[in-house]
Amino acid sequence: MIRKLVKYGVHYCAVEHADNDQFFFLKLKRKKKELVLSSKGEAVNFDELVSKIQGQKHLFLVVNNEQVLTKKVVNTHTTEERLVKVAFPNIALSDFYYKVYTNDQEAFVAISRKEYVNGIIADYERQKISVVDFSLGSLSLERLIDLIDSERIETSNAEVTSNALGIASIEKKTVAEKIYTINDLEVSNKHVLPLAGVIDYYAGGVGESRTQKQLQQEYIQKRFFNLGFKLVLGFLFVILLINFLIFSSYQSKDQRYSAELQVNEAKKKELTGLKDLVFRKRKLVESISSSSNSKVAWYFNEISASIPSSILLKNMAYQPVNGAIKENKRVRFKNKTIEISGVSIYDKDFTQWVATLEKKTWIDEVGIINYGRGKKTRSSFDLIITLNE
């Protein structure tokens, strides 16, 4: 959470470039571990939009206008590049950005020219606003399907139908304004896609293309450079202020000033020694974390490889926090434990999957905390895996 606070601050924003040169924006603020509405609105040109989101340093871009084409094809369970070629056989992939959403039966492919999307990103850069990620068409709506209790969800220019497998259809049409209540947030259909965008980068979603990953890296470098520069200036200012006060207070007392100077020198050496000690310990922790992360990644890969197609995971946590986190209290973790939550379409597949996990040599026990019916034919579940390594 602290890392996310340092990276993005408390304000999150997403902007949809919609049909007919319309712009819809949504700004949320993180408050007490939840997102609350800060502001929302629309604009009829880019300059008006910039004035309304003034002060925002980063945002999620949703390109959902005439420059985006979306097609539905049969999911052949192949690579995304091949699905794009099936949907649009005559395009040169090097000239287009694409977004692919798949379920067990179908695939939805959205494309837009790189030249157009890059131009939008450059426009924001000139306004000192970093685009940290982007989506195409209505496909980012997958983030909200489980949060909206309706099979039909309208965006600014389309009607999206969902079923037990996920998104079932996307139909471009003229829609009337409609209000949705999503996690206690009231938003209109004009702001549904921006909300999905905010959730995407608040939750740590990673772009699929090289350009999207590069946007993240460039923003992180810029963010930490600015923070580091401010910290250095603040540190230098404090040091100069302290030196000035010391010099002014003890200018007429040479002996005492000399004694205090020696004390300051000793403290400086002590601070240098402490900084060296902290640096060595940090390197040790990083080394241990690197090794641990490698093993955790192996556990997650093993679990992911065993999952049937009828089971969708929502969360996997390695050594989760044991109990609530309280201020000034030591944080305790559930050692050698992995918690998993998700939804299952078929009970039989779920039972077989649990049996498969129990046969893993590195798993000591698989406990089912919760298994109950959810939306439609899906059943939500919570598992806890005890490791024997």
Protein backbone atom coordinates (compact mmCIF):
# COMPACT_ATOMS: atom_id res chain seq x y z
CA MET A 1 0.00 0.00 0.00
CA ILE A 2 2.84 2.40 0.86
CA ARG A 3 4.52 1.59 -2.44
CA LYS A 4 1.31 2.40 -4.30
CA LEU A 5 0.94 5.64 -2.34
CA VAL A 6 4.47 6.70 -3.27
CA LYS A 7 3.94 5.68 -6.90
CA TYR A 8 0.56 7.33 -7.59
CA GLY A 9 -0.34 9.42 -4.55
CA VAL A 10 -4.00 9.40 -3.52
CA HIS A 11 -5.66 10.67 -6.72
CA TYR A 12 -6.52 8.34 -9.64
CA CYS A 13 -7.98 9.43 -12.97
CA ALA A 14 -9.19 7.83 -16.20
CA VAL A 15 -10.34 9.53 -19.40
CA GLU A 16 -12.41 8.04 -22.21
CA HIS A 17 -11.99 9.44 -25.74
CA ALA A 18 -15.47 8.64 -27.02
CA ASP A 19 -17.38 9.05 -30.29
CA ASN A 20 -18.00 12.48 -31.81
CA ASP A 21 -14.95 14.06 -30.08
CA GLN A 22 -16.44 13.66 -26.61
CA PHE A 23 -14.35 13.19 -23.49
CA PHE A 24 -15.56 11.57 -20.25
CA PHE A 25 -13.35 11.67 -17.16
CA LEU A 26 -13.56 10.21 -13.66
CA LYS A 27 -11.32 11.04 -10.70
CA LEU A 28 -11.23 8.93 -7.54
CA LYS A 29 -9.41 9.53 -4.28
CA ARG A 30 -8.03 6.86 -1.98
CA LYS A 31 -9.40 7.48 1.50
CA LYS A 32 -9.16 5.06 4.41
CA LYS A 33 -8.22 2.09 2.19
CA GLU A 34 -11.06 2.67 -0.28
CA LEU A 35 -11.71 4.74 -3.39
CA VAL A 36 -14.22 7.58 -3.15
CA LEU A 37 -15.49 9.86 -5.90
CA SER A 38 -13.46 13.04 -6.27
CA SER A 39 -14.94 14.44 -9.49
CA LYS A 40 -16.43 13.39 -12.81
CA GLY A 41 -17.55 15.14 -15.95
CA GLU A 42 -17.24 15.51 -19.68
CA ALA A 43 -15.70 17.87 -22.21
CA VAL A 44 -16.20 18.69 -25.87
CA ASN A 45 -12.53 19.40 -26.68
CA PHE A 46 -9.09 18.51 -25.37
CA ASP A 47 -8.30 21.95 -23.93
CA GLU A 48 -11.50 21.92 -21.87
CA LEU A 49 -10.67 18.43 -20.63
CA VAL A 50 -7.18 19.48 -19.52
CA SER A 51 -8.58 22.44 -17.60
CA LYS A 52 -11.06 20.20 -15.77
CA ILE A 53 -8.44 17.64 -14.67
CA GLN A 54 -5.86 20.30 -13.87
CA GLY A 55 -3.32 19.11 -11.32
CA GLN A 56 -3.60 15.43 -12.30
CA LYS A 57 -0.15 13.98 -13.06
CA HIS A 58 -1.15 10.55 -14.31
CA LEU A 59 -4.19 8.86 -15.86
CA PHE A 60 -5.52 5.74 -17.57
CA LEU A 61 -6.53 6.28 -21.20
CA VAL A 62 -9.62 4.60 -22.73
CA VAL A 63 -9.73 4.90 -26.52
CA ASN A 64 -13.33 4.12 -27.47
CA ASN A 65 -14.26 6.07 -30.58
CA GLU A 66 -14.42 5.75 -34.36
CA GLN A 67 -10.69 4.96 -34.44
CA VAL A 68 -11.26 1.61 -32.71
CA LEU A 69 -12.60 -1.50 -34.43
CA THR A 70 -13.91 -4.46 -32.42
CA LYS A 71 -14.78 -7.93 -33.73
CA LYS A 72 -15.92 -11.20 -32.15
CA VAL A 73 -14.42 -14.47 -33.40
CA VAL A 74 -14.39 -18.08 -32.24
CA ASN A 75 -11.80 -18.68 -29.54
CA THR A 76 -9.34 -21.17 -31.04
CA HIS A 77 -7.19 -21.07 -27.88
CA THR A 78 -4.17 -19.87 -29.81
CA THR A 79 -1.92 -16.82 -29.44
CA GLU A 80 -3.34 -13.32 -29.34
CA GLU A 81 -1.48 -12.41 -32.54
CA ARG A 82 -3.23 -15.23 -34.41
CA LEU A 83 -6.61 -14.24 -33.03
CA VAL A 84 -5.99 -10.69 -34.28
CA LYS A 85 -5.12 -12.02 -37.74
CA VAL A 86 -8.29 -14.14 -37.75
CA ALA A 87 -10.41 -11.10 -36.89
CA PHE A 88 -8.55 -8.70 -39.21
CA PRO A 89 -6.65 -10.77 -41.78
CA ASN A 90 -5.54 -7.85 -43.95
CA ILE A 91 -3.85 -5.59 -41.39
CA ALA A 92 -0.15 -5.22 -40.64
CA LEU A 93 0.21 -5.97 -36.92
CA SER A 94 3.19 -3.63 -36.64
CA ASP A 95 0.90 -0.67 -37.42
CA PHE A 96 -1.77 -1.40 -34.79
CA TYR A 97 -2.24 -1.71 -31.06
CA TYR A 98 -4.64 -4.48 -30.12
CA LYS A 99 -6.53 -5.71 -27.06
CA VAL A 100 -7.85 -9.28 -26.83
CA TYR A 101 -10.45 -10.62 -24.38
CA THR A 102 -11.28 -14.35 -24.40
CA ASN A 103 -13.60 -16.76 -22.69
CA ASP A 104 -13.91 -20.49 -23.27
CA GLN A 105 -15.88 -20.08 -26.49
CA GLU A 106 -15.32 -16.63 -27.97
CA ALA A 107 -12.66 -13.97 -28.42
CA PHE A 108 -13.16 -10.22 -28.74
CA VAL A 109 -10.46 -8.28 -30.58
CA ALA A 110 -10.15 -4.48 -30.54
CA ILE A 111 -7.57 -2.62 -32.65
CA SER A 112 -6.49 0.96 -33.26
CA ARG A 113 -3.64 2.50 -35.24
CA LYS A 114 -0.45 3.09 -33.26
CA GLU A 115 -0.01 6.48 -34.90
CA TYR A 116 -3.38 7.65 -33.53
CA VAL A 117 -2.91 6.32 -29.98
CA ASN A 118 0.67 7.59 -29.78
CA GLY A 119 -0.57 11.02 -30.85
CA ILE A 120 -3.04 11.10 -27.94
CA ILE A 121 -0.33 10.06 -25.49
CA ALA A 122 1.96 12.77 -26.84
CA ASP A 123 -0.81 15.38 -26.37
CA TYR A 124 -1.02 14.47 -22.67
CA GLU A 125 2.77 14.51 -22.32
CA ARG A 126 2.83 18.08 -23.60
CA GLN A 127 0.42 18.93 -20.77
CA LYS A 128 2.74 17.27 -18.21
CA ILE A 129 0.30 14.37 -17.72
CA SER A 130 1.61 10.80 -17.90
CA VAL A 131 -0.53 8.09 -19.50
CA VAL A 132 0.33 5.05 -17.38
CA ASP A 133 -1.72 2.55 -19.43
CA PHE A 134 -4.51 2.39 -22.00
CA SER A 135 -7.33 0.15 -23.24
CA LEU A 136 -9.26 -0.10 -26.49
CA GLY A 137 -13.02 -0.19 -26.99
CA SER A 138 -15.21 -1.64 -24.26
CA LEU A 139 -12.96 -4.58 -23.35
CA SER A 140 -11.72 -3.03 -20.10
CA LEU A 141 -15.27 -3.62 -18.81
CA GLU A 142 -14.17 -7.11 -17.77
CA ARG A 143 -12.96 -5.45 -14.55
CA LEU A 144 -16.56 -4.57 -13.59
CA ILE A 145 -18.58 -7.60 -14.72
CA ASP A 146 -18.60 -9.20 -11.27
CA LEU A 147 -19.39 -5.86 -9.59
CA ILE A 148 -22.54 -5.04 -11.58
CA ASP A 149 -25.60 -7.17 -10.87
CA SER A 150 -26.90 -7.05 -14.43
CA GLU A 151 -26.41 -9.11 -17.56
CA ARG A 152 -26.56 -5.98 -19.74
CA ILE A 153 -24.17 -3.11 -19.13
CA GLU A 154 -24.23 0.05 -21.22
CA THR A 155 -21.19 2.21 -21.92
CA SER A 156 -21.08 5.57 -23.69
CA ASN A 157 -21.65 3.98 -27.10
CA ALA A 158 -22.38 0.27 -26.70
CA GLU A 159 -24.36 -2.40 -24.89
CA VAL A 160 -22.27 -5.19 -23.39
CA THR A 161 -23.92 -8.51 -22.50
CA SER A 162 -22.35 -10.92 -20.02
CA ASN A 163 -23.00 -14.49 -18.95
CA ALA A 164 -21.37 -17.08 -16.72
CA LEU A 165 -18.31 -17.18 -18.98
CA GLY A 166 -17.79 -13.41 -19.01
CA ILE A 167 -18.42 -10.95 -21.85
CA ALA A 168 -20.81 -12.53 -24.37
CA SER A 169 -21.45 -9.67 -26.85
CA ILE A 170 -20.62 -6.04 -27.56
CA GLU A 171 -23.12 -4.11 -29.68
CA LYS A 172 -22.37 -0.55 -30.78
CA LYS A 173 -25.50 1.59 -30.42
CA THR A 174 -26.84 4.93 -29.27
CA VAL A 175 -27.64 4.66 -25.59
CA ALA A 176 -29.51 6.84 -23.13
CA GLU A 177 -27.88 7.92 -19.90
CA LYS A 178 -28.19 5.35 -17.13
CA ILE A 179 -26.93 5.34 -13.52
CA TYR A 180 -25.13 2.36 -12.00
CA THR A 181 -24.21 1.81 -8.36
CA ILE A 182 -20.88 0.01 -8.22
CA ASN A 183 -19.34 -0.60 -4.79
CA ASP A 184 -21.31 2.35 -3.37
CA LEU A 185 -20.16 4.61 -6.25
CA GLU A 186 -22.91 6.11 -8.39
CA VAL A 187 -21.68 6.53 -11.96
CA SER A 188 -23.46 6.92 -15.28
CA ASN A 189 -22.84 4.70 -18.27
CA LYS A 190 -20.62 7.52 -19.61
CA HIS A 191 -18.18 6.89 -16.78
CA VAL A 192 -18.32 3.10 -16.59
CA LEU A 193 -15.23 2.57 -18.77
CA PRO A 194 -13.19 5.27 -16.96
CA LEU A 195 -14.08 3.54 -13.67
CA ALA A 196 -12.83 0.23 -15.08
CA GLY A 197 -9.63 2.02 -16.12
CA VAL A 198 -9.05 3.45 -12.64
CA ILE A 199 -9.59 0.02 -11.07
CA ASP A 200 -7.19 -1.49 -13.60
CA TYR A 201 -4.21 0.63 -12.67
CA TYR A 202 -5.13 0.95 -8.99
CA ALA A 203 -5.14 -2.85 -8.79
CA GLY A 204 -1.81 -3.01 -10.60
CA GLY A 205 -2.91 -4.17 -14.05
CA VAL A 206 -0.06 -4.51 -16.53
CA GLY A 207 -0.36 -3.51 -20.18
CA GLU A 208 0.05 -6.20 -22.80
CA SER A 209 2.11 -4.40 -25.44
CA ARG A 210 5.68 -3.20 -25.25
CA THR A 211 4.44 0.38 -25.45
CA GLN A 212 2.12 -0.06 -22.46
CA LYS A 213 4.94 -1.52 -20.36
CA GLN A 214 7.20 1.32 -21.49
CA LEU A 215 4.59 3.88 -20.37
CA GLN A 216 4.65 2.36 -16.90
CA GLN A 217 8.45 2.43 -16.73
CA GLU A 218 8.69 6.01 -17.96
CA TYR A 219 6.13 7.20 -15.42
CA ILE A 220 7.85 5.37 -12.56
CA GLN A 221 11.23 6.88 -13.49
CA LYS A 222 9.74 10.35 -13.75
CA ARG A 223 7.83 9.98 -10.49
CA PHE A 224 10.77 8.80 -8.42
CA PHE A 225 13.11 11.36 -9.96
CA ASN A 226 10.75 14.17 -8.92
CA LEU A 227 10.31 12.74 -5.42
CA GLY A 228 14.05 12.23 -5.03
CA PHE A 229 14.79 15.75 -6.23
CA LYS A 230 12.33 17.24 -3.73
CA LEU A 231 13.73 15.14 -0.89
CA VAL A 232 17.29 16.21 -1.69
CA LEU A 233 16.28 19.89 -1.80
CA GLY A 234 14.40 19.53 1.48
CA PHE A 235 17.32 17.74 3.09
CA LEU A 236 19.77 20.41 1.91
CA PHE A 237 17.47 23.18 3.11
CA VAL A 238 17.21 21.61 6.58
CA ILE A 239 20.99 21.18 6.78
CA LEU A 240 21.60 24.79 5.71
CA LEU A 241 19.04 26.05 8.19
CA ILE A 242 20.60 24.09 11.03
CA ASN A 243 24.09 25.34 10.10
CA PHE A 244 22.87 28.91 9.95
CA LEU A 245 21.21 28.71 13.38
CA ILE A 246 24.27 27.10 14.90
CA PHE A 247 26.59 29.70 13.37
CA SER A 248 24.37 32.61 14.48
CA SER A 249 23.93 31.31 18.03
CA TYR A 250 27.55 30.48 18.77
CA GLN A 251 29.51 32.97 16.65
CA SER A 252 30.74 34.85 19.75
CA LYS A 253 31.59 31.67 21.67
CA ASP A 254 34.51 30.16 19.81
CA GLN A 255 35.37 27.48 22.32
CA ARG A 256 31.84 26.25 22.73
CA TYR A 257 31.28 26.40 19.00
CA SER A 258 34.40 24.33 18.48
CA ALA A 259 33.18 21.75 20.97
CA GLU A 260 29.80 21.51 19.31
CA LEU A 261 31.48 21.26 15.93
CA GLN A 262 33.36 18.22 17.15
CA VAL A 263 30.10 16.71 18.38
CA ASN A 264 28.53 17.34 14.98
CA GLU A 265 31.47 15.68 13.27
CA ALA A 266 31.07 12.65 15.51
CA LYS A 267 27.34 12.51 14.74
CA LYS A 268 28.08 12.82 11.05
CA LYS A 269 30.43 9.84 11.22
CA GLU A 270 27.85 7.92 13.22
CA LEU A 271 25.18 8.76 10.63
CA THR A 272 27.50 7.60 7.85
CA GLY A 273 28.10 4.35 9.71
CA LEU A 274 24.37 3.85 10.22
CA LYS A 275 23.69 4.55 6.53
CA ASP A 276 26.31 1.95 5.57
CA LEU A 277 24.72 -0.54 7.97
CA VAL A 278 21.25 0.13 6.55
CA PHE A 279 22.60 -0.25 3.02
CA ARG A 280 24.16 -3.65 3.81
CA LYS A 281 20.99 -4.88 5.51
CA ARG A 282 18.87 -3.67 2.61
CA LYS A 283 21.06 -5.60 0.18
CA LEU A 284 20.70 -8.71 2.34
CA VAL A 285 16.90 -8.35 2.47
CA GLU A 286 16.74 -7.81 -1.30
CA SER A 287 18.82 -10.93 -1.83
CA ILE A 288 16.56 -12.98 0.43
CA SER A 289 13.41 -11.49 -1.16
CA SER A 290 14.70 -12.31 -4.64
CA SER A 291 15.19 -15.95 -3.69
CA SER A 292 11.80 -16.07 -1.94
CA ASN A 293 9.98 -14.44 -4.85
CA SER A 294 11.46 -17.01 -7.21
CA LYS A 295 10.01 -19.84 -5.13
CA VAL A 296 6.65 -18.10 -4.74
CA ALA A 297 6.49 -17.64 -8.52
CA TRP A 298 7.14 -21.38 -8.90
CA TYR A 299 4.27 -22.20 -6.48
CA PHE A 300 1.88 -19.88 -8.36
CA ASN A 301 2.94 -21.30 -11.75
CA GLU A 302 2.35 -24.86 -10.50
CA ILE A 303 -1.11 -23.95 -9.20
CA SER A 304 -2.02 -22.01 -12.37
CA ALA A 305 -0.96 -24.91 -14.60
CA SER A 306 -3.37 -27.25 -12.76
CA ILE A 307 -6.46 -25.02 -13.03
CA PRO A 308 -9.31 -26.32 -15.26
CA SER A 309 -10.80 -23.89 -17.77
CA SER A 310 -14.07 -23.81 -15.79
CA ILE A 311 -12.38 -22.25 -12.77
CA LEU A 312 -11.50 -18.56 -12.60
CA LEU A 313 -9.13 -17.32 -9.90
CA LYS A 314 -9.70 -13.91 -8.33
CA ASN A 315 -6.86 -13.83 -5.83
CA MET A 316 -3.81 -15.78 -4.70
CA ALA A 317 -1.90 -14.67 -1.62
CA TYR A 318 1.34 -16.17 -0.32
CA GLN A 319 1.75 -16.06 3.46
CA PRO A 320 -1.15 -13.60 3.96
CA VAL A 321 -1.48 -11.38 7.00
CA ASN A 322 -2.80 -13.25 10.05
CA GLY A 323 -5.58 -11.09 11.46
CA ALA A 324 -6.17 -7.37 11.11
CA ILE A 325 -3.28 -4.92 10.81
CA LYS A 326 -3.22 -2.55 13.76
CA GLU A 327 -1.15 0.54 14.29
CA ASN A 328 1.97 0.03 16.43
CA LYS A 329 1.35 -3.72 16.47
CA ARG A 330 3.63 -6.30 14.94
CA VAL A 331 2.31 -7.68 11.65
CA ARG A 332 2.06 -11.48 11.71
CA PHE A 333 1.84 -13.70 8.65
CA LYS A 334 0.50 -17.19 8.03
CA ASN A 335 3.75 -19.03 7.34
CA LYS A 336 3.93 -21.73 4.68
CA THR A 337 0.40 -20.87 3.54
CA ILE A 338 -1.24 -19.90 0.25
CA GLU A 339 -4.80 -18.56 0.17
CA ILE A 340 -6.81 -18.82 -3.05
CA SER A 341 -10.22 -17.42 -3.94
CA GLY A 342 -12.21 -17.56 -7.16
CA VAL A 343 -15.30 -18.93 -8.88
CA SER A 344 -16.09 -22.36 -10.35
CA ILE A 345 -18.65 -23.25 -12.99
CA TYR A 346 -18.65 -27.01 -12.50
CA ASP A 347 -18.52 -28.67 -9.05
CA LYS A 348 -16.92 -31.77 -10.53
CA ASP A 349 -14.00 -29.81 -12.00
CA PHE A 350 -13.50 -28.06 -8.67
CA THR A 351 -13.41 -31.34 -6.74
CA GLN A 352 -10.94 -32.88 -9.21
CA TRP A 353 -8.75 -29.80 -9.06
CA VAL A 354 -8.60 -29.93 -5.25
CA ALA A 355 -7.70 -33.63 -5.46
CA THR A 356 -4.92 -32.81 -7.94
CA LEU A 357 -3.49 -30.16 -5.60
CA GLU A 358 -3.53 -32.59 -2.66
CA LYS A 359 -1.27 -34.95 -4.66
CA LYS A 360 1.43 -32.30 -5.05
CA THR A 361 4.52 -33.35 -3.08
CA TRP A 362 5.14 -29.79 -1.90
CA ILE A 363 1.58 -29.42 -0.54
CA ASP A 364 0.84 -30.76 2.94
CA GLU A 365 -2.89 -30.01 3.07
CA VAL A 366 -5.65 -28.29 1.05
CA GLY A 367 -8.48 -26.85 3.13
CA ILE A 368 -11.79 -25.60 1.71
CA ILE A 369 -12.78 -22.55 3.74
CA ASN A 370 -15.84 -21.66 1.69
CA TYR A 371 -17.69 -23.08 -1.30
CA GLY A 372 -21.06 -21.61 -2.17
CA ARG A 373 -23.29 -20.63 -5.03
CA GLY A 374 -22.68 -17.26 -6.60
CA LYS A 375 -24.01 -15.44 -9.65
CA LYS A 376 -25.82 -17.68 -12.16
CA THR A 377 -24.23 -21.14 -12.22
CA ARG A 378 -20.94 -20.05 -10.72
CA SER A 379 -19.84 -21.01 -7.22
CA SER A 380 -17.45 -18.86 -5.25
CA PHE A 381 -14.77 -20.60 -3.22
CA ASP A 382 -11.91 -19.96 -0.80
CA LEU A 383 -9.04 -22.41 -0.32
CA ILE A 384 -6.09 -22.48 2.05
CA ILE A 385 -3.04 -24.51 1.06
CA THR A 386 -0.48 -25.56 3.67
CA LEU A 387 3.02 -26.11 2.29
CA ASN A 388 5.34 -28.81 3.59
CA GLU A 389 8.52 -27.13 2.34
